[in-house]
Amino acid sequence: MTTCVFVQIRCKPGTTYAVADGIALKEIHSELYSTSGEYDLLCKLYIPEGEDVGKYLNDNLMDVAGIERTLTTLTFKAF
């Protein structure tokens, strides 16, 4: 079973479109949105079964240039 996570991403000023393009090229997300507020992007993705969430995100998302900060929300069983 995969784990669904939402990652809010704050980008360095002026890099939001480049960050979004970098994430899109990796093809690891289910959905990617531009948002208002403290964070610039919201990324929904599924962590493959057996993968450590933190390591997976570190290895597959955090190397995109322009990411300044993230906030990850884990999900649990749907109602």
N, C-alpha and C. Protein backbone atom coordinates (compact mmCIF):
# COMPACT_ATOMS: atom_id res chain seq x y z
N MET A 1 0.84 -1.18 0.00
CA MET A 1 0.00 0.00 0.00
C MET A 1 0.88 1.24 0.00
N THR A 2 0.57 2.18 -0.86
CA THR A 2 1.34 3.41 -0.92
C THR A 2 0.86 4.39 0.15
N THR A 3 1.69 5.33 0.49
CA THR A 3 1.35 6.36 1.45
C THR A 3 1.17 7.68 0.72
N CYS A 4 0.00 8.30 0.88
CA CYS A 4 -0.26 9.60 0.27
C CYS A 4 0.26 10.70 1.19
N VAL A 5 1.04 11.62 0.64
CA VAL A 5 1.52 12.76 1.40
C VAL A 5 1.27 14.04 0.61
N PHE A 6 1.08 15.12 1.35
CA PHE A 6 0.97 16.44 0.75
C PHE A 6 2.18 17.23 1.20
N VAL A 7 2.87 17.86 0.25
CA VAL A 7 4.05 18.64 0.57
C VAL A 7 3.80 20.08 0.13
N GLN A 8 3.79 20.99 1.11
CA GLN A 8 3.71 22.40 0.80
C GLN A 8 5.14 22.89 0.60
N ILE A 9 5.34 23.67 -0.43
CA ILE A 9 6.70 24.08 -0.81
C ILE A 9 6.79 25.60 -0.88
N ARG A 10 7.75 26.14 -0.14
CA ARG A 10 8.07 27.56 -0.25
C ARG A 10 9.29 27.67 -1.15
N CYS A 11 9.20 28.52 -2.15
CA CYS A 11 10.28 28.67 -3.11
C CYS A 11 11.05 29.96 -2.84
N LYS A 12 12.31 29.96 -3.24
CA LYS A 12 13.08 31.20 -3.18
C LYS A 12 12.40 32.21 -4.11
N PRO A 13 12.40 33.48 -3.76
CA PRO A 13 11.73 34.48 -4.57
C PRO A 13 12.10 34.38 -6.06
N GLY A 14 11.08 34.41 -6.90
CA GLY A 14 11.29 34.39 -8.34
C GLY A 14 11.53 33.02 -8.95
N THR A 15 11.44 31.94 -8.14
CA THR A 15 11.76 30.61 -8.68
C THR A 15 10.57 29.66 -8.74
N THR A 16 9.38 30.13 -8.42
CA THR A 16 8.23 29.22 -8.30
C THR A 16 7.98 28.44 -9.59
N TYR A 17 8.00 29.11 -10.74
CA TYR A 17 7.73 28.41 -11.99
C TYR A 17 8.84 27.41 -12.32
N ALA A 18 10.08 27.77 -12.04
CA ALA A 18 11.19 26.85 -12.28
C ALA A 18 11.11 25.64 -11.35
N VAL A 19 10.72 25.86 -10.09
CA VAL A 19 10.56 24.75 -9.15
C VAL A 19 9.44 23.83 -9.63
N ALA A 20 8.31 24.41 -10.02
CA ALA A 20 7.19 23.61 -10.52
C ALA A 20 7.61 22.80 -11.74
N ASP A 21 8.35 23.40 -12.65
CA ASP A 21 8.84 22.68 -13.83
C ASP A 21 9.77 21.54 -13.43
N GLY A 22 10.66 21.80 -12.46
CA GLY A 22 11.59 20.77 -12.00
C GLY A 22 10.87 19.59 -11.38
N ILE A 23 9.82 19.87 -10.61
CA ILE A 23 9.03 18.80 -10.01
C ILE A 23 8.29 18.02 -11.09
N ALA A 24 7.69 18.74 -12.03
CA ALA A 24 6.94 18.09 -13.10
C ALA A 24 7.83 17.15 -13.92
N LEU A 25 9.05 17.56 -14.17
CA LEU A 25 9.98 16.72 -14.95
C LEU A 25 10.32 15.42 -14.24
N LYS A 26 10.28 15.41 -12.92
CA LYS A 26 10.59 14.20 -12.16
C LYS A 26 9.47 13.16 -12.22
N GLU A 27 8.25 13.62 -12.54
CA GLU A 27 7.09 12.73 -12.66
C GLU A 27 6.87 11.87 -11.42
N ILE A 28 7.03 12.48 -10.24
CA ILE A 28 6.80 11.74 -8.99
C ILE A 28 5.51 12.15 -8.31
N HIS A 29 4.88 13.20 -8.79
CA HIS A 29 3.69 13.74 -8.13
C HIS A 29 2.40 13.22 -8.78
N SER A 30 1.35 13.27 -7.98
CA SER A 30 0.01 12.98 -8.48
C SER A 30 -0.65 14.28 -8.93
N GLU A 31 -0.49 15.32 -8.11
CA GLU A 31 -1.06 16.63 -8.42
C GLU A 31 -0.10 17.70 -7.92
N LEU A 32 -0.09 18.84 -8.61
CA LEU A 32 0.78 19.95 -8.23
C LEU A 32 0.02 21.24 -8.46
N TYR A 33 -0.10 22.06 -7.42
CA TYR A 33 -0.87 23.29 -7.48
C TYR A 33 -0.05 24.48 -7.04
N SER A 34 -0.34 25.64 -7.63
CA SER A 34 0.16 26.91 -7.13
C SER A 34 -0.81 27.35 -6.04
N THR A 35 -0.29 27.87 -4.92
CA THR A 35 -1.15 28.24 -3.80
C THR A 35 -0.81 29.65 -3.31
N SER A 36 -1.74 30.20 -2.55
CA SER A 36 -1.49 31.49 -1.91
C SER A 36 -1.13 31.23 -0.45
N GLY A 37 -0.60 32.23 0.21
CA GLY A 37 -0.25 32.08 1.62
C GLY A 37 1.24 31.90 1.83
N GLU A 38 1.58 31.21 2.92
CA GLU A 38 2.99 31.04 3.29
C GLU A 38 3.78 30.18 2.32
N TYR A 39 3.10 29.28 1.62
CA TYR A 39 3.77 28.37 0.70
C TYR A 39 3.32 28.65 -0.72
N ASP A 40 4.18 28.36 -1.68
CA ASP A 40 3.91 28.69 -3.08
C ASP A 40 3.30 27.55 -3.87
N LEU A 41 3.63 26.30 -3.50
CA LEU A 41 3.16 25.13 -4.23
C LEU A 41 2.63 24.09 -3.26
N LEU A 42 1.70 23.29 -3.74
CA LEU A 42 1.19 22.15 -2.99
C LEU A 42 1.32 20.93 -3.89
N CYS A 43 2.06 19.94 -3.41
CA CYS A 43 2.34 18.74 -4.19
C CYS A 43 1.73 17.53 -3.48
N LYS A 44 0.90 16.80 -4.18
CA LYS A 44 0.35 15.55 -3.67
C LYS A 44 1.12 14.42 -4.34
N LEU A 45 1.64 13.52 -3.53
CA LEU A 45 2.35 12.39 -4.13
C LEU A 45 2.17 11.14 -3.28
N TYR A 46 2.46 10.02 -3.88
CA TYR A 46 2.33 8.73 -3.23
C TYR A 46 3.70 8.12 -3.05
N ILE A 47 4.02 7.77 -1.81
CA ILE A 47 5.30 7.14 -1.50
C ILE A 47 5.15 5.65 -1.75
N PRO A 48 6.02 5.05 -2.55
CA PRO A 48 5.91 3.61 -2.84
C PRO A 48 5.99 2.77 -1.56
N GLU A 49 5.32 1.66 -1.59
CA GLU A 49 5.31 0.74 -0.45
C GLU A 49 6.73 0.34 -0.08
N GLY A 50 7.00 0.35 1.20
CA GLY A 50 8.31 -0.06 1.70
C GLY A 50 9.34 1.05 1.74
N GLU A 51 9.03 2.21 1.16
CA GLU A 51 9.98 3.33 1.16
C GLU A 51 9.82 4.16 2.43
N ASP A 52 10.91 4.66 2.95
CA ASP A 52 10.88 5.59 4.07
C ASP A 52 10.46 6.96 3.52
N VAL A 53 9.44 7.55 4.11
CA VAL A 53 8.88 8.81 3.60
C VAL A 53 9.94 9.90 3.53
N GLY A 54 10.65 10.13 4.62
CA GLY A 54 11.65 11.18 4.66
C GLY A 54 12.75 10.99 3.64
N LYS A 55 13.26 9.78 3.55
CA LYS A 55 14.34 9.49 2.59
C LYS A 55 13.84 9.64 1.16
N TYR A 56 12.64 9.15 0.90
CA TYR A 56 12.07 9.25 -0.45
C TYR A 56 11.95 10.71 -0.88
N LEU A 57 11.41 11.54 0.01
CA LEU A 57 11.27 12.95 -0.32
C LEU A 57 12.63 13.62 -0.48
N ASN A 58 13.56 13.29 0.40
CA ASN A 58 14.90 13.85 0.31
C ASN A 58 15.57 13.48 -1.01
N ASP A 59 15.45 12.22 -1.40
CA ASP A 59 16.12 11.73 -2.60
C ASP A 59 15.43 12.15 -3.90
N ASN A 60 14.11 12.38 -3.85
CA ASN A 60 13.36 12.60 -5.08
C ASN A 60 12.76 13.98 -5.27
N LEU A 61 12.70 14.76 -4.20
CA LEU A 61 12.06 16.07 -4.31
C LEU A 61 12.98 17.21 -3.88
N MET A 62 13.69 17.02 -2.80
CA MET A 62 14.44 18.13 -2.20
C MET A 62 15.65 18.60 -2.99
N ASP A 63 16.00 17.87 -4.04
CA ASP A 63 17.13 18.30 -4.85
C ASP A 63 16.71 19.26 -5.96
N VAL A 64 15.43 19.61 -6.03
CA VAL A 64 14.98 20.58 -7.02
C VAL A 64 15.47 21.97 -6.60
N ALA A 65 16.19 22.61 -7.49
CA ALA A 65 16.74 23.94 -7.18
C ALA A 65 15.63 24.94 -6.94
N GLY A 66 15.80 25.77 -5.92
CA GLY A 66 14.85 26.83 -5.63
C GLY A 66 13.92 26.54 -4.47
N ILE A 67 13.91 25.31 -3.97
CA ILE A 67 13.08 24.99 -2.81
C ILE A 67 13.76 25.56 -1.57
N GLU A 68 13.01 26.38 -0.85
CA GLU A 68 13.54 27.02 0.35
C GLU A 68 13.12 26.29 1.62
N ARG A 69 11.86 25.83 1.64
CA ARG A 69 11.31 25.18 2.84
C ARG A 69 10.12 24.33 2.43
N THR A 70 9.88 23.26 3.19
CA THR A 70 8.71 22.42 2.93
C THR A 70 7.98 22.11 4.23
N LEU A 71 6.72 21.73 4.07
CA LEU A 71 5.91 21.25 5.18
C LEU A 71 5.17 20.03 4.66
N THR A 72 5.47 18.87 5.23
CA THR A 72 4.89 17.61 4.76
C THR A 72 3.79 17.15 5.70
N THR A 73 2.65 16.79 5.11
CA THR A 73 1.52 16.25 5.87
C THR A 73 1.29 14.83 5.42
N LEU A 74 1.40 13.89 6.39
CA LEU A 74 1.13 12.49 6.09
C LEU A 74 -0.38 12.23 6.18
N THR A 75 -0.86 11.31 5.39
CA THR A 75 -2.27 10.94 5.47
C THR A 75 -2.39 9.53 6.03
N PHE A 76 -3.57 9.24 6.54
CA PHE A 76 -3.87 7.93 7.12
C PHE A 76 -5.11 7.37 6.44
N LYS A 77 -5.59 6.29 6.91
CA LYS A 77 -6.73 5.61 6.31
C LYS A 77 -7.90 6.59 6.04
N ALA A 78 -8.44 6.51 4.83
CA ALA A 78 -9.58 7.37 4.47
C ALA A 78 -10.86 6.86 5.12
N PHE A 79 -11.78 7.75 5.37
CA PHE A 79 -13.04 7.39 6.00
C PHE A 79 -14.04 6.96 4.95
